[in-house]
Amino acid sequence: MSALKKHFIYQADYQHWANDALFAALDVLDGDARQSSQGMVYESIHKTMHHILLATRNWMTRLKQENRTAGHEEQFLADWKELKNALRIEFREVQRWLEAQPEAFFDEQVGYLDSGSQPRQIWVRDALAHIMTHAAHLRGQATSVAVRLGAPAPEMDYIFYKREMEKNLERLRASKG
């Protein structure tokens, strides 16, 4: 497996892991706090997390070259548990889909229509980097507001993800030995 393909598969797994770390912190807050207007780009923690879901779905639709018209008009998931589960499923599906792609896919360009309906081209690797960094960026915003509202600060650094995965591999090896 190429280093580029492996990188993005790990990144999708990291997104899932980091979301779960953030969910644990956000679950300390009540629904009103998560839904309250906090002056964020997407208004609230809940809407910010929902935007991660929609943006990921929209970009994956572009990468898959699917014709999808729902886009930003997709139904808002007001239920917190439903939103968390949708995000968990989305990044697992991204990971599985990336695993199934041929090596050459990561060096291709895809066409899409931007938010102004203008045709654009983007390298697959740049679109994937955008999906991953956009989610991390918005999780950071949600974390800042959540901590201000009294939630614990989650540890979501990529290096902590890597360390946890290494520990899990060591435990797996030890259990087989």
N, C-alpha and C. Protein backbone atom coordinates (compact mmCIF):
# COMPACT_ATOMS: atom_id res chain seq x y z
N MET A 1 0.86 -1.18 0.00
CA MET A 1 0.00 0.00 0.00
C MET A 1 0.90 1.24 0.00
N SER A 2 0.57 2.20 -0.84
CA SER A 2 1.38 3.42 -0.92
C SER A 2 1.30 4.21 0.38
N ALA A 3 2.32 5.01 0.62
CA ALA A 3 2.35 5.85 1.82
C ALA A 3 1.20 6.85 1.80
N LEU A 4 0.87 7.37 0.64
CA LEU A 4 -0.21 8.36 0.55
C LEU A 4 -1.56 7.74 0.89
N LYS A 5 -1.83 6.59 0.33
CA LYS A 5 -3.10 5.91 0.62
C LYS A 5 -3.18 5.58 2.11
N LYS A 6 -2.10 5.00 2.66
CA LYS A 6 -2.07 4.64 4.08
C LYS A 6 -2.29 5.88 4.95
N HIS A 7 -1.67 6.98 4.57
CA HIS A 7 -1.81 8.23 5.33
C HIS A 7 -3.27 8.64 5.46
N PHE A 8 -3.99 8.63 4.36
CA PHE A 8 -5.38 9.08 4.42
C PHE A 8 -6.30 8.07 5.10
N ILE A 9 -5.98 6.80 5.02
CA ILE A 9 -6.74 5.81 5.77
C ILE A 9 -6.55 6.05 7.26
N TYR A 10 -5.31 6.30 7.68
CA TYR A 10 -5.05 6.62 9.08
C TYR A 10 -5.72 7.93 9.49
N GLN A 11 -5.73 8.89 8.60
CA GLN A 11 -6.37 10.16 8.91
C GLN A 11 -7.88 9.98 9.14
N ALA A 12 -8.52 9.15 8.34
CA ALA A 12 -9.95 8.89 8.55
C ALA A 12 -10.18 8.21 9.90
N ASP A 13 -9.30 7.27 10.24
CA ASP A 13 -9.41 6.61 11.54
C ASP A 13 -9.18 7.62 12.67
N TYR A 14 -8.20 8.49 12.48
CA TYR A 14 -7.94 9.54 13.48
C TYR A 14 -9.17 10.43 13.66
N GLN A 15 -9.84 10.80 12.58
CA GLN A 15 -11.03 11.65 12.69
C GLN A 15 -12.08 10.98 13.57
N HIS A 16 -12.26 9.70 13.37
CA HIS A 16 -13.22 8.94 14.17
C HIS A 16 -12.80 8.97 15.64
N TRP A 17 -11.53 8.71 15.91
CA TRP A 17 -11.00 8.71 17.26
C TRP A 17 -11.13 10.08 17.92
N ALA A 18 -10.75 11.14 17.19
CA ALA A 18 -10.81 12.50 17.75
C ALA A 18 -12.25 12.93 18.00
N ASN A 19 -13.15 12.55 17.11
CA ASN A 19 -14.56 12.86 17.35
C ASN A 19 -15.03 12.22 18.64
N ASP A 20 -14.68 10.95 18.86
CA ASP A 20 -15.09 10.28 20.08
C ASP A 20 -14.50 10.95 21.33
N ALA A 21 -13.25 11.40 21.24
CA ALA A 21 -12.65 12.12 22.37
C ALA A 21 -13.42 13.41 22.64
N LEU A 22 -13.78 14.11 21.60
CA LEU A 22 -14.56 15.35 21.77
C LEU A 22 -15.96 15.04 22.28
N PHE A 23 -16.59 13.99 21.75
CA PHE A 23 -17.94 13.64 22.22
C PHE A 23 -17.96 13.38 23.71
N ALA A 24 -16.94 12.71 24.23
CA ALA A 24 -16.88 12.43 25.66
C ALA A 24 -16.89 13.73 26.46
N ALA A 25 -16.18 14.73 25.98
CA ALA A 25 -16.18 16.03 26.67
C ALA A 25 -17.51 16.75 26.48
N LEU A 26 -18.03 16.73 25.27
CA LEU A 26 -19.28 17.44 25.00
C LEU A 26 -20.48 16.82 25.71
N ASP A 27 -20.41 15.53 25.96
CA ASP A 27 -21.51 14.86 26.66
C ASP A 27 -21.67 15.36 28.09
N VAL A 28 -20.65 16.02 28.63
CA VAL A 28 -20.75 16.60 29.98
C VAL A 28 -21.72 17.78 29.97
N LEU A 29 -21.81 18.45 28.83
CA LEU A 29 -22.71 19.60 28.69
C LEU A 29 -24.13 19.12 28.43
N ASP A 30 -25.10 19.92 28.85
CA ASP A 30 -26.48 19.56 28.52
C ASP A 30 -26.80 20.02 27.10
N GLY A 31 -27.90 19.53 26.59
CA GLY A 31 -28.30 19.84 25.22
C GLY A 31 -28.45 21.33 24.96
N ASP A 32 -28.97 22.06 25.95
CA ASP A 32 -29.13 23.51 25.77
C ASP A 32 -27.79 24.19 25.56
N ALA A 33 -26.78 23.76 26.31
CA ALA A 33 -25.45 24.37 26.17
C ALA A 33 -24.87 24.04 24.78
N ARG A 34 -25.00 22.79 24.33
CA ARG A 34 -24.48 22.42 23.02
C ARG A 34 -25.21 23.13 21.88
N GLN A 35 -26.48 23.46 22.10
CA GLN A 35 -27.28 24.11 21.06
C GLN A 35 -27.27 25.64 21.15
N SER A 36 -26.74 26.17 22.23
CA SER A 36 -26.81 27.63 22.44
C SER A 36 -25.89 28.38 21.48
N SER A 37 -26.34 29.56 21.11
CA SER A 37 -25.55 30.42 20.22
C SER A 37 -24.33 30.92 20.98
N GLN A 38 -23.15 30.67 20.42
CA GLN A 38 -21.90 31.03 21.09
C GLN A 38 -21.01 31.92 20.24
N GLY A 39 -21.57 32.52 19.19
CA GLY A 39 -20.78 33.40 18.34
C GLY A 39 -19.82 32.67 17.43
N MET A 40 -20.05 31.39 17.21
CA MET A 40 -19.21 30.58 16.34
C MET A 40 -19.65 30.78 14.89
N VAL A 41 -18.80 30.40 13.98
CA VAL A 41 -19.14 30.50 12.56
C VAL A 41 -20.45 29.78 12.27
N TYR A 42 -20.64 28.61 12.85
CA TYR A 42 -21.87 27.85 12.65
C TYR A 42 -22.79 27.95 13.86
N GLU A 43 -22.63 28.99 14.62
CA GLU A 43 -23.48 29.41 15.73
C GLU A 43 -23.26 28.61 17.01
N SER A 44 -23.47 27.30 16.97
CA SER A 44 -23.42 26.50 18.20
C SER A 44 -22.48 25.31 18.03
N ILE A 45 -22.17 24.67 19.14
CA ILE A 45 -21.36 23.46 19.10
C ILE A 45 -22.07 22.40 18.25
N HIS A 46 -23.35 22.22 18.49
CA HIS A 46 -24.11 21.20 17.77
C HIS A 46 -24.09 21.48 16.26
N LYS A 47 -24.34 22.71 15.88
CA LYS A 47 -24.36 23.04 14.44
C LYS A 47 -22.96 22.93 13.83
N THR A 48 -21.94 23.20 14.62
CA THR A 48 -20.57 23.06 14.13
C THR A 48 -20.26 21.58 13.87
N MET A 49 -20.66 20.72 14.77
CA MET A 49 -20.45 19.29 14.57
C MET A 49 -21.27 18.79 13.38
N HIS A 50 -22.46 19.33 13.23
CA HIS A 50 -23.30 18.96 12.10
C HIS A 50 -22.65 19.40 10.79
N HIS A 51 -22.00 20.56 10.80
CA HIS A 51 -21.33 21.02 9.60
C HIS A 51 -20.17 20.09 9.21
N ILE A 52 -19.47 19.56 10.20
CA ILE A 52 -18.41 18.58 9.89
C ILE A 52 -19.01 17.42 9.11
N LEU A 53 -20.15 16.94 9.56
CA LEU A 53 -20.83 15.84 8.88
C LEU A 53 -21.20 16.22 7.45
N LEU A 54 -21.85 17.36 7.28
CA LEU A 54 -22.29 17.76 5.94
C LEU A 54 -21.12 18.04 5.01
N ALA A 55 -20.11 18.72 5.50
CA ALA A 55 -18.96 19.04 4.65
C ALA A 55 -18.24 17.76 4.22
N THR A 56 -18.11 16.81 5.13
CA THR A 56 -17.48 15.54 4.80
C THR A 56 -18.30 14.80 3.75
N ARG A 57 -19.60 14.75 3.94
CA ARG A 57 -20.47 14.09 2.96
C ARG A 57 -20.38 14.77 1.60
N ASN A 58 -20.39 16.09 1.59
CA ASN A 58 -20.34 16.81 0.31
C ASN A 58 -19.03 16.54 -0.42
N TRP A 59 -17.92 16.58 0.30
CA TRP A 59 -16.63 16.33 -0.34
C TRP A 59 -16.50 14.88 -0.79
N MET A 60 -17.02 13.96 0.00
CA MET A 60 -16.97 12.56 -0.41
C MET A 60 -17.82 12.32 -1.65
N THR A 61 -18.93 13.01 -1.75
CA THR A 61 -19.75 12.92 -2.95
C THR A 61 -18.96 13.39 -4.17
N ARG A 62 -18.21 14.45 -3.99
CA ARG A 62 -17.37 14.96 -5.08
C ARG A 62 -16.29 13.95 -5.45
N LEU A 63 -15.64 13.39 -4.44
CA LEU A 63 -14.57 12.42 -4.71
C LEU A 63 -15.10 11.16 -5.38
N LYS A 64 -16.29 10.77 -5.01
CA LYS A 64 -16.90 9.58 -5.60
C LYS A 64 -17.54 9.89 -6.96
N GLN A 65 -17.54 11.17 -7.33
CA GLN A 65 -18.14 11.62 -8.59
C GLN A 65 -19.61 11.24 -8.67
N GLU A 66 -20.30 11.38 -7.53
CA GLU A 66 -21.73 11.11 -7.48
C GLU A 66 -22.49 12.42 -7.71
N ASN A 67 -23.61 12.31 -8.33
CA ASN A 67 -24.46 13.48 -8.54
C ASN A 67 -25.44 13.56 -7.39
N ARG A 68 -25.16 14.44 -6.47
CA ARG A 68 -26.00 14.55 -5.29
C ARG A 68 -26.46 15.99 -5.17
N THR A 69 -27.75 16.18 -5.10
CA THR A 69 -28.29 17.54 -5.06
C THR A 69 -28.65 18.00 -3.66
N ALA A 70 -28.68 17.09 -2.67
CA ALA A 70 -29.10 17.48 -1.32
C ALA A 70 -28.14 18.50 -0.72
N GLY A 71 -26.85 18.20 -0.74
CA GLY A 71 -25.84 19.13 -0.26
C GLY A 71 -26.18 19.74 1.08
N HIS A 72 -26.11 21.06 1.12
CA HIS A 72 -26.34 21.79 2.37
C HIS A 72 -27.79 21.79 2.80
N GLU A 73 -28.69 21.36 1.94
CA GLU A 73 -30.11 21.32 2.30
C GLU A 73 -30.46 20.02 3.03
N GLU A 74 -29.49 19.16 3.22
CA GLU A 74 -29.73 17.89 3.89
C GLU A 74 -30.36 18.15 5.26
N GLN A 75 -31.22 17.23 5.68
CA GLN A 75 -31.96 17.40 6.93
C GLN A 75 -31.02 17.57 8.12
N PHE A 76 -31.31 18.55 8.94
CA PHE A 76 -30.54 18.83 10.15
C PHE A 76 -30.81 17.75 11.19
N LEU A 77 -29.77 17.20 11.76
CA LEU A 77 -29.91 16.19 12.81
C LEU A 77 -29.92 16.89 14.16
N ALA A 78 -31.10 17.11 14.68
CA ALA A 78 -31.24 17.84 15.94
C ALA A 78 -30.94 16.98 17.16
N ASP A 79 -31.08 15.67 17.03
CA ASP A 79 -30.82 14.77 18.15
C ASP A 79 -29.32 14.54 18.28
N TRP A 80 -28.78 14.80 19.46
CA TRP A 80 -27.34 14.71 19.71
C TRP A 80 -26.81 13.29 19.45
N LYS A 81 -27.50 12.28 19.97
CA LYS A 81 -27.04 10.90 19.77
C LYS A 81 -27.06 10.54 18.29
N GLU A 82 -28.07 10.96 17.59
CA GLU A 82 -28.16 10.68 16.16
C GLU A 82 -27.01 11.35 15.39
N LEU A 83 -26.69 12.58 15.77
CA LEU A 83 -25.59 13.30 15.12
C LEU A 83 -24.26 12.60 15.40
N LYS A 84 -24.01 12.23 16.66
CA LYS A 84 -22.77 11.54 17.00
C LYS A 84 -22.63 10.24 16.21
N ASN A 85 -23.69 9.47 16.15
CA ASN A 85 -23.64 8.21 15.42
C ASN A 85 -23.44 8.43 13.93
N ALA A 86 -24.06 9.46 13.38
CA ALA A 86 -23.88 9.76 11.96
C ALA A 86 -22.43 10.13 11.67
N LEU A 87 -21.81 10.90 12.55
CA LEU A 87 -20.40 11.25 12.37
C LEU A 87 -19.50 10.03 12.50
N ARG A 88 -19.80 9.18 13.46
CA ARG A 88 -19.01 7.95 13.61
C ARG A 88 -19.09 7.10 12.35
N ILE A 89 -20.29 6.91 11.88
CA ILE A 89 -20.51 6.09 10.67
C ILE A 89 -19.84 6.74 9.47
N GLU A 90 -19.98 8.05 9.33
CA GLU A 90 -19.42 8.74 8.17
C GLU A 90 -17.92 8.52 8.04
N PHE A 91 -17.18 8.72 9.13
CA PHE A 91 -15.73 8.57 9.03
C PHE A 91 -15.30 7.11 8.89
N ARG A 92 -16.08 6.17 9.42
CA ARG A 92 -15.78 4.76 9.18
C ARG A 92 -16.03 4.43 7.70
N GLU A 93 -17.09 4.98 7.14
CA GLU A 93 -17.37 4.76 5.71
C GLU A 93 -16.29 5.39 4.84
N VAL A 94 -15.82 6.58 5.23
CA VAL A 94 -14.72 7.21 4.49
C VAL A 94 -13.51 6.29 4.52
N GLN A 95 -13.19 5.77 5.70
CA GLN A 95 -12.03 4.89 5.85
C GLN A 95 -12.17 3.65 4.97
N ARG A 96 -13.32 2.99 5.04
CA ARG A 96 -13.52 1.78 4.23
C ARG A 96 -13.47 2.09 2.74
N TRP A 97 -14.04 3.21 2.34
CA TRP A 97 -14.04 3.58 0.93
C TRP A 97 -12.61 3.85 0.46
N LEU A 98 -11.83 4.56 1.27
CA LEU A 98 -10.44 4.82 0.90
C LEU A 98 -9.64 3.53 0.78
N GLU A 99 -9.88 2.59 1.68
CA GLU A 99 -9.19 1.30 1.62
C GLU A 99 -9.47 0.58 0.31
N ALA A 100 -10.65 0.77 -0.25
CA ALA A 100 -11.05 0.07 -1.47
C ALA A 100 -10.57 0.76 -2.75
N GLN A 101 -10.00 1.95 -2.62
CA GLN A 101 -9.57 2.69 -3.82
C GLN A 101 -8.22 2.18 -4.32
N PRO A 102 -8.06 2.19 -5.64
CA PRO A 102 -6.76 1.79 -6.19
C PRO A 102 -5.70 2.85 -5.85
N GLU A 103 -4.46 2.41 -5.83
CA GLU A 103 -3.34 3.32 -5.49
C GLU A 103 -3.35 4.57 -6.37
N ALA A 104 -3.64 4.41 -7.64
CA ALA A 104 -3.58 5.52 -8.59
C ALA A 104 -4.60 6.60 -8.28
N PHE A 105 -5.68 6.25 -7.60
CA PHE A 105 -6.73 7.22 -7.30
C PHE A 105 -6.18 8.43 -6.54
N PHE A 106 -5.24 8.22 -5.66
CA PHE A 106 -4.72 9.28 -4.80
C PHE A 106 -3.85 10.28 -5.56
N ASP A 107 -3.52 9.95 -6.80
CA ASP A 107 -2.74 10.86 -7.66
C ASP A 107 -3.59 11.42 -8.80
N GLU A 108 -4.90 11.32 -8.68
CA GLU A 108 -5.80 11.82 -9.71
C GLU A 108 -6.39 13.17 -9.32
N GLN A 109 -7.05 13.78 -10.30
CA GLN A 109 -7.85 14.98 -10.07
C GLN A 109 -9.30 14.61 -10.27
N VAL A 110 -10.16 15.32 -9.58
CA VAL A 110 -11.60 15.15 -9.77
C VAL A 110 -12.21 16.51 -10.05
N GLY A 111 -13.27 16.49 -10.84
CA GLY A 111 -14.00 17.71 -11.12
C GLY A 111 -15.19 17.83 -10.20
N TYR A 112 -15.56 19.06 -9.90
CA TYR A 112 -16.73 19.30 -9.05
C TYR A 112 -17.23 20.71 -9.31
N LEU A 113 -18.42 20.99 -8.82
CA LEU A 113 -18.95 22.35 -8.86
C LEU A 113 -18.75 22.97 -7.49
N ASP A 114 -18.17 24.16 -7.46
CA ASP A 114 -17.96 24.82 -6.17
C ASP A 114 -19.28 25.41 -5.67
N SER A 115 -19.24 26.07 -4.53
CA SER A 115 -20.47 26.60 -3.93
C SER A 115 -21.14 27.66 -4.80
N GLY A 116 -20.41 28.22 -5.76
CA GLY A 116 -20.99 29.17 -6.70
C GLY A 116 -21.36 28.52 -8.02
N SER A 117 -21.41 27.19 -8.03
CA SER A 117 -21.75 26.39 -9.22
C SER A 117 -20.74 26.54 -10.36
N GLN A 118 -19.52 26.91 -10.01
CA GLN A 118 -18.46 27.01 -11.01
C GLN A 118 -17.70 25.69 -11.07
N PRO A 119 -17.41 25.20 -12.28
CA PRO A 119 -16.65 23.95 -12.38
C PRO A 119 -15.21 24.15 -11.91
N ARG A 120 -14.74 23.20 -11.14
CA ARG A 120 -13.38 23.23 -10.59
C ARG A 120 -12.75 21.86 -10.72
N GLN A 121 -11.43 21.83 -10.60
CA GLN A 121 -10.67 20.59 -10.53
C GLN A 121 -9.86 20.63 -9.24
N ILE A 122 -9.71 19.48 -8.60
CA ILE A 122 -8.89 19.41 -7.40
C ILE A 122 -8.22 18.04 -7.37
N TRP A 123 -6.98 18.04 -6.88
CA TRP A 123 -6.28 16.78 -6.67
C TRP A 123 -6.98 16.03 -5.55
N VAL A 124 -7.12 14.74 -5.69
CA VAL A 124 -7.76 13.91 -4.66
C VAL A 124 -7.06 14.14 -3.32
N ARG A 125 -5.74 14.14 -3.33
CA ARG A 125 -5.00 14.30 -2.06
C ARG A 125 -5.30 15.65 -1.40
N ASP A 126 -5.54 16.70 -2.20
CA ASP A 126 -5.87 18.00 -1.63
C ASP A 126 -7.28 18.01 -1.06
N ALA A 127 -8.20 17.36 -1.75
CA ALA A 127 -9.57 17.27 -1.23
C ALA A 127 -9.60 16.48 0.08
N LEU A 128 -8.86 15.39 0.12
CA LEU A 128 -8.79 14.60 1.36
C LEU A 128 -8.13 15.37 2.49
N ALA A 129 -7.07 16.09 2.18
CA ALA A 129 -6.43 16.93 3.20
C ALA A 129 -7.40 17.98 3.71
N HIS A 130 -8.21 18.53 2.82
CA HIS A 130 -9.20 19.53 3.24
C HIS A 130 -10.24 18.90 4.17
N ILE A 131 -10.74 17.74 3.82
CA ILE A 131 -11.74 17.08 4.68
C ILE A 131 -11.17 16.90 6.08
N MET A 132 -9.96 16.40 6.16
CA MET A 132 -9.37 16.08 7.46
C MET A 132 -9.03 17.34 8.26
N THR A 133 -8.43 18.33 7.62
CA THR A 133 -8.05 19.55 8.36
C THR A 133 -9.27 20.39 8.70
N HIS A 134 -10.28 20.38 7.85
CA HIS A 134 -11.51 21.12 8.13
C HIS A 134 -12.18 20.56 9.39
N ALA A 135 -12.25 19.24 9.48
CA ALA A 135 -12.85 18.62 10.66
C ALA A 135 -12.05 18.95 11.92
N ALA A 136 -10.72 18.87 11.82
CA ALA A 136 -9.88 19.18 12.98
C ALA A 136 -10.03 20.65 13.40
N HIS A 137 -10.08 21.52 12.43
CA HIS A 137 -10.25 22.96 12.69
C HIS A 137 -11.57 23.22 13.43
N LEU A 138 -12.64 22.63 12.95
CA LEU A 138 -13.94 22.86 13.59
C LEU A 138 -14.05 22.18 14.94
N ARG A 139 -13.41 21.02 15.10
CA ARG A 139 -13.38 20.41 16.44
C ARG A 139 -12.66 21.32 17.43
N GLY A 140 -11.62 21.99 16.97
CA GLY A 140 -10.91 22.95 17.83
C GLY A 140 -11.82 24.08 18.27
N GLN A 141 -12.61 24.60 17.35
CA GLN A 141 -13.55 25.67 17.72
C GLN A 141 -14.57 25.16 18.74
N ALA A 142 -15.12 23.96 18.48
CA ALA A 142 -16.11 23.39 19.40
C ALA A 142 -15.48 23.15 20.78
N THR A 143 -14.23 22.71 20.80
CA THR A 143 -13.55 22.46 22.06
C THR A 143 -13.38 23.75 22.86
N SER A 144 -12.97 24.81 22.20
CA SER A 144 -12.77 26.09 22.90
C SER A 144 -14.05 26.56 23.57
N VAL A 145 -15.14 26.48 22.85
CA VAL A 145 -16.42 26.91 23.41
C VAL A 145 -16.86 25.95 24.51
N ALA A 146 -16.69 24.66 24.30
CA ALA A 146 -17.11 23.67 25.30
C ALA A 146 -16.36 23.86 26.61
N VAL A 147 -15.08 24.11 26.54
CA VAL A 147 -14.29 24.32 27.76
C VAL A 147 -14.76 25.59 28.47
N ARG A 148 -15.03 26.61 27.71
CA ARG A 148 -15.56 27.85 28.29
C ARG A 148 -16.90 27.60 29.00
N LEU A 149 -17.67 26.64 28.50
CA LEU A 149 -18.97 26.31 29.09
C LEU A 149 -18.87 25.30 30.23
N GLY A 150 -17.64 24.84 30.53
CA GLY A 150 -17.45 23.94 31.67
C GLY A 150 -17.11 22.50 31.34
N ALA A 151 -16.98 22.16 30.08
CA ALA A 151 -16.60 20.79 29.71
C ALA A 151 -15.11 20.60 29.91
N PRO A 152 -14.68 19.37 30.13
CA PRO A 152 -13.23 19.11 30.23
C PRO A 152 -12.59 19.26 28.85
N ALA A 153 -11.31 19.62 28.84
CA ALA A 153 -10.58 19.76 27.58
C ALA A 153 -10.16 18.37 27.10
N PRO A 154 -10.69 17.94 25.96
CA PRO A 154 -10.30 16.62 25.46
C PRO A 154 -8.90 16.64 24.85
N GLU A 155 -8.21 15.53 24.95
CA GLU A 155 -6.91 15.40 24.31
C GLU A 155 -7.13 14.75 22.96
N MET A 156 -6.94 15.54 21.89
CA MET A 156 -7.25 15.06 20.55
C MET A 156 -6.07 15.15 19.60
N ASP A 157 -4.88 15.42 20.11
CA ASP A 157 -3.72 15.54 19.25
C ASP A 157 -3.46 14.23 18.52
N TYR A 158 -3.02 14.34 17.28
CA TYR A 158 -2.73 13.18 16.46
C TYR A 158 -1.69 12.27 17.11
N ILE A 159 -0.72 12.87 17.78
CA ILE A 159 0.33 12.08 18.43
C ILE A 159 -0.26 11.18 19.51
N PHE A 160 -1.30 11.64 20.21
CA PHE A 160 -1.94 10.82 21.23
C PHE A 160 -2.73 9.68 20.60
N TYR A 161 -3.32 9.95 19.45
CA TYR A 161 -3.98 8.89 18.68
C TYR A 161 -2.96 7.81 18.30
N LYS A 162 -1.80 8.23 17.77
CA LYS A 162 -0.78 7.27 17.36
C LYS A 162 -0.30 6.45 18.57
N ARG A 163 -0.10 7.10 19.70
CA ARG A 163 0.35 6.38 20.90
C ARG A 163 -0.69 5.36 21.34
N GLU A 164 -1.97 5.76 21.30
CA GLU A 164 -3.02 4.84 21.71
C GLU A 164 -3.09 3.65 20.75
N MET A 165 -2.94 3.89 19.47
CA MET A 165 -2.96 2.80 18.50
C MET A 165 -1.78 1.86 18.72
N GLU A 166 -0.61 2.41 19.03
CA GLU A 166 0.57 1.57 19.31
C GLU A 166 0.33 0.70 20.54
N LYS A 167 -0.27 1.27 21.59
CA LYS A 167 -0.59 0.49 22.79
C LYS A 167 -1.58 -0.62 22.46
N ASN A 168 -2.56 -0.32 21.65
CA ASN A 168 -3.55 -1.34 21.25
C ASN A 168 -2.87 -2.47 20.48
N LEU A 169 -1.95 -2.14 19.59
CA LEU A 169 -1.21 -3.16 18.84
C LEU A 169 -0.36 -4.01 19.77
N GLU A 170 0.28 -3.37 20.75
CA GLU A 170 1.09 -4.12 21.71
C GLU A 170 0.23 -5.09 22.51
N ARG A 171 -0.95 -4.64 22.95
CA ARG A 171 -1.85 -5.52 23.70
C ARG A 171 -2.32 -6.68 22.83
N LEU A 172 -2.59 -6.41 21.57
CA LEU A 172 -3.03 -7.45 20.64
C LEU A 172 -1.92 -8.49 20.44
N ARG A 173 -0.71 -8.00 20.24
CA ARG A 173 0.42 -8.92 20.07
C ARG A 173 0.64 -9.77 21.32
N ALA A 174 0.53 -9.12 22.49
CA ALA A 174 0.73 -9.83 23.76
C ALA A 174 -0.34 -10.88 23.97
N SER A 175 -1.55 -10.61 23.56
CA SER A 175 -2.63 -11.57 23.75
C SER A 175 -2.49 -12.79 22.83
N LYS A 176 -1.80 -12.61 21.70
CA LYS A 176 -1.59 -13.72 20.77
C LYS A 176 -0.34 -14.52 21.13
N GLY A 177 0.55 -13.91 21.91
CA GLY A 177 1.84 -14.53 22.20
C GLY A 177 1.78 -15.51 23.29
